[in-house]
Amino acid sequence: MNAAQLRTYIIEPVLRYLEPEIPFSAGAMELVMGTAAQESGLRHIDQLTPGPGPAYGLWQMEGATHEDLWASFINPRPALREKLLMMVAPWPSRVEQLRSNLLYGAAMCRVHYRRAPEAIPPADNIEALGQLWKLRYNTSAGKGTVQQFVQSYGLVRSMENT
């Protein structure tokens, strides 16, 4: 996957599309990019177990997380719900579209962070972005580390600059 194209044609447009329901920021763009870098290496669209899932897409969101976001955060916000529904096809299921629909996957990643009470760190503070990823996306039960996030993000940035 071309990281610069992912940023230019998927992440930035979808984060801008979610406004004003979810404010755009450069930090949010880097957080969504860094999450994809750490979770999938921009290579895997399904978790590396026999599959399918339980984590899907470049952002490796689990189905249970996806369903909880819809039930507890998206459905009570009609404007956000309508924007997200405009992004999905009638088939396959929304959970399965986390694999195949990059715009939707990026949007759901951003929704996941929006639900968290913490502010998004500045775009140039990769360590703080990694700490937020660990706290809210990978969680204390996850195997990932902040240092891995920082390294994965660095690899993606170097790919963008080549």
Protein backbone atom coordinates (compact mmCIF):
# COMPACT_ATOMS: atom_id res chain seq x y z
CA MET A 1 0.00 0.00 0.00
CA ASN A 2 1.29 3.43 -0.87
CA ALA A 3 1.24 5.37 2.40
CA ALA A 4 1.16 8.80 0.75
CA GLN A 5 -1.87 7.78 -1.32
CA LEU A 6 -3.61 6.37 1.76
CA ARG A 7 -3.14 9.70 3.52
CA THR A 8 -4.09 11.83 0.49
CA TYR A 9 -7.01 9.89 -0.95
CA ILE A 10 -8.49 8.12 2.07
CA ILE A 11 -7.56 9.47 5.50
CA GLU A 12 -7.58 13.22 4.97
CA PRO A 13 -10.76 13.31 2.83
CA VAL A 14 -12.73 11.10 5.21
CA LEU A 15 -11.65 13.07 8.28
CA ARG A 16 -12.72 16.27 6.55
CA TYR A 17 -16.01 14.63 5.52
CA LEU A 18 -16.79 13.82 9.15
CA GLU A 19 -16.76 17.52 10.05
CA PRO A 20 -18.47 19.18 11.85
CA GLU A 21 -19.70 16.09 13.72
CA ILE A 22 -16.08 15.12 14.40
CA PRO A 23 -13.61 18.01 14.13
CA PHE A 24 -10.67 17.63 11.77
CA SER A 25 -7.16 18.07 13.11
CA ALA A 26 -3.68 17.28 11.87
CA GLY A 27 -3.15 15.26 15.05
CA ALA A 28 -6.19 13.12 14.27
CA MET A 29 -4.88 12.51 10.76
CA GLU A 30 -1.53 11.32 12.13
CA LEU A 31 -3.26 9.19 14.77
CA VAL A 32 -5.38 7.41 12.16
CA MET A 33 -2.34 6.93 9.92
CA GLY A 34 -0.22 5.70 12.81
CA THR A 35 -2.96 3.32 13.90
CA ALA A 36 -3.06 1.72 10.44
CA ALA A 37 0.73 1.52 10.39
CA GLN A 38 0.88 -0.19 13.77
CA GLU A 39 -2.17 -2.42 13.44
CA SER A 40 -1.64 -3.80 9.93
CA GLY A 41 1.67 -2.48 8.64
CA LEU A 42 -0.49 -1.17 5.76
CA ARG A 43 -0.42 -4.75 4.44
CA HIS A 44 -3.02 -6.90 6.14
CA ILE A 45 -6.79 -6.64 5.72
CA ASP A 46 -7.59 -9.42 8.16
CA GLN A 47 -6.02 -10.51 11.40
CA LEU A 48 -3.21 -13.01 10.92
CA THR A 49 -5.07 -15.81 12.69
CA PRO A 50 -6.87 -18.35 10.51
CA GLY A 51 -9.57 -15.70 9.99
CA PRO A 52 -11.96 -14.23 9.48
CA GLY A 53 -11.20 -11.65 12.13
CA PRO A 54 -11.70 -11.02 14.90
CA ALA A 55 -9.98 -7.82 13.76
CA TYR A 56 -10.66 -6.40 10.30
CA GLY A 57 -9.06 -4.02 7.85
CA LEU A 58 -5.99 -1.84 7.86
CA TRP A 59 -7.09 -0.51 11.25
CA GLN A 60 -7.70 -4.01 12.67
CA MET A 61 -10.94 -3.09 14.40
CA GLU A 62 -12.67 -5.95 16.15
CA GLY A 63 -16.28 -6.71 15.31
CA ALA A 64 -17.38 -6.28 18.92
CA THR A 65 -15.78 -2.82 19.04
CA HIS A 66 -17.47 -1.88 15.77
CA GLU A 67 -20.89 -2.97 17.05
CA ASP A 68 -20.41 -1.17 20.36
CA LEU A 69 -19.47 2.05 18.57
CA TRP A 70 -22.69 1.88 16.57
CA ALA A 71 -24.86 1.09 19.60
CA SER A 72 -23.40 3.48 22.15
CA PHE A 73 -21.85 6.33 20.18
CA ILE A 74 -23.02 6.55 16.56
CA ASN A 75 -26.75 5.75 16.76
CA PRO A 76 -27.43 8.47 19.38
CA ARG A 77 -25.87 11.04 16.98
CA PRO A 78 -28.15 11.21 13.92
CA ALA A 79 -25.93 13.49 11.82
CA LEU A 80 -22.88 11.28 12.35
CA ARG A 81 -24.95 8.14 11.75
CA GLU A 82 -26.21 9.50 8.42
CA LYS A 83 -22.70 10.40 7.27
CA LEU A 84 -21.41 6.94 8.08
CA LEU A 85 -24.37 5.23 6.43
CA MET A 86 -23.62 7.19 3.25
CA MET A 87 -20.20 5.52 3.19
CA VAL A 88 -21.32 1.88 3.27
CA ALA A 89 -22.66 -0.39 0.58
CA PRO A 90 -25.68 -2.65 1.13
CA TRP A 91 -23.37 -5.69 0.97
CA PRO A 92 -21.33 -7.06 2.71
CA SER A 93 -22.08 -6.27 6.35
CA ARG A 94 -20.63 -3.10 7.83
CA VAL A 95 -18.20 -5.17 9.93
CA GLU A 96 -16.96 -6.96 6.80
CA GLN A 97 -16.62 -3.61 5.04
CA LEU A 98 -13.90 -2.73 7.54
CA ARG A 99 -11.76 -4.98 5.30
CA SER A 100 -12.82 -3.77 1.89
CA ASN A 101 -13.98 -0.16 2.31
CA LEU A 102 -10.97 1.97 3.21
CA LEU A 103 -12.99 5.14 3.69
CA TYR A 104 -15.30 3.41 6.15
CA GLY A 105 -12.41 1.75 8.00
CA ALA A 106 -10.63 5.09 8.42
CA ALA A 107 -13.86 6.75 9.55
CA MET A 108 -14.54 4.06 12.15
CA CYS A 109 -11.00 4.37 13.48
CA ARG A 110 -11.57 8.11 13.93
CA VAL A 111 -14.97 7.52 15.55
CA HIS A 112 -13.30 5.16 18.00
CA TYR A 113 -10.87 7.88 19.11
CA ARG A 114 -13.62 10.51 19.18
CA ARG A 115 -15.49 8.49 21.77
CA ALA A 116 -12.48 8.67 24.10
CA PRO A 117 -12.39 11.60 26.53
CA GLU A 118 -8.73 12.47 25.88
CA ALA A 119 -7.78 15.26 23.50
CA ILE A 120 -5.88 14.28 20.37
CA PRO A 121 -2.21 15.21 20.82
CA PRO A 122 -0.43 17.52 18.36
CA ALA A 123 0.52 15.95 15.02
CA ASP A 124 4.25 16.19 15.71
CA ASN A 125 4.12 14.43 19.09
CA ILE A 126 4.27 10.84 17.87
CA GLU A 127 5.01 9.45 21.31
CA ALA A 128 1.84 11.06 22.72
CA LEU A 129 -0.15 9.76 19.75
CA GLY A 130 1.26 6.32 20.51
CA GLN A 131 0.24 6.66 24.15
CA LEU A 132 -3.32 7.48 23.11
CA TRP A 133 -3.34 4.52 20.70
CA LYS A 134 -2.15 2.22 23.49
CA LEU A 135 -4.67 3.56 26.00
CA ARG A 136 -7.78 3.60 23.79
CA TYR A 137 -7.18 1.37 20.76
CA ASN A 138 -4.77 -1.38 21.79
CA THR A 139 -5.63 -1.14 25.52
CA SER A 140 -3.66 -2.45 28.46
CA ALA A 141 -4.66 -6.00 27.48
CA GLY A 142 -3.13 -5.64 24.00
CA LYS A 143 0.35 -6.81 23.12
CA GLY A 144 1.40 -3.61 21.36
CA THR A 145 3.64 -0.97 22.89
CA VAL A 146 4.03 2.76 22.46
CA GLN A 147 7.55 2.15 21.14
CA GLN A 148 6.17 -0.18 18.45
CA PHE A 149 3.67 2.50 17.43
CA VAL A 150 6.45 5.08 17.14
CA GLN A 151 8.55 2.67 15.05
CA SER A 152 5.65 1.71 12.79
CA TYR A 153 4.74 5.36 12.28
CA GLY A 154 8.37 6.15 11.42
CA LEU A 155 8.44 3.40 8.79
CA VAL A 156 5.29 4.75 7.18
CA ARG A 157 6.64 8.31 7.13
CA SER A 158 9.84 7.10 5.49
CA MET A 159 7.75 5.26 2.87
CA GLU A 160 5.85 8.47 2.15
CA ASN A 161 9.07 10.37 1.58
CA THR A 162 10.56 7.93 -0.94
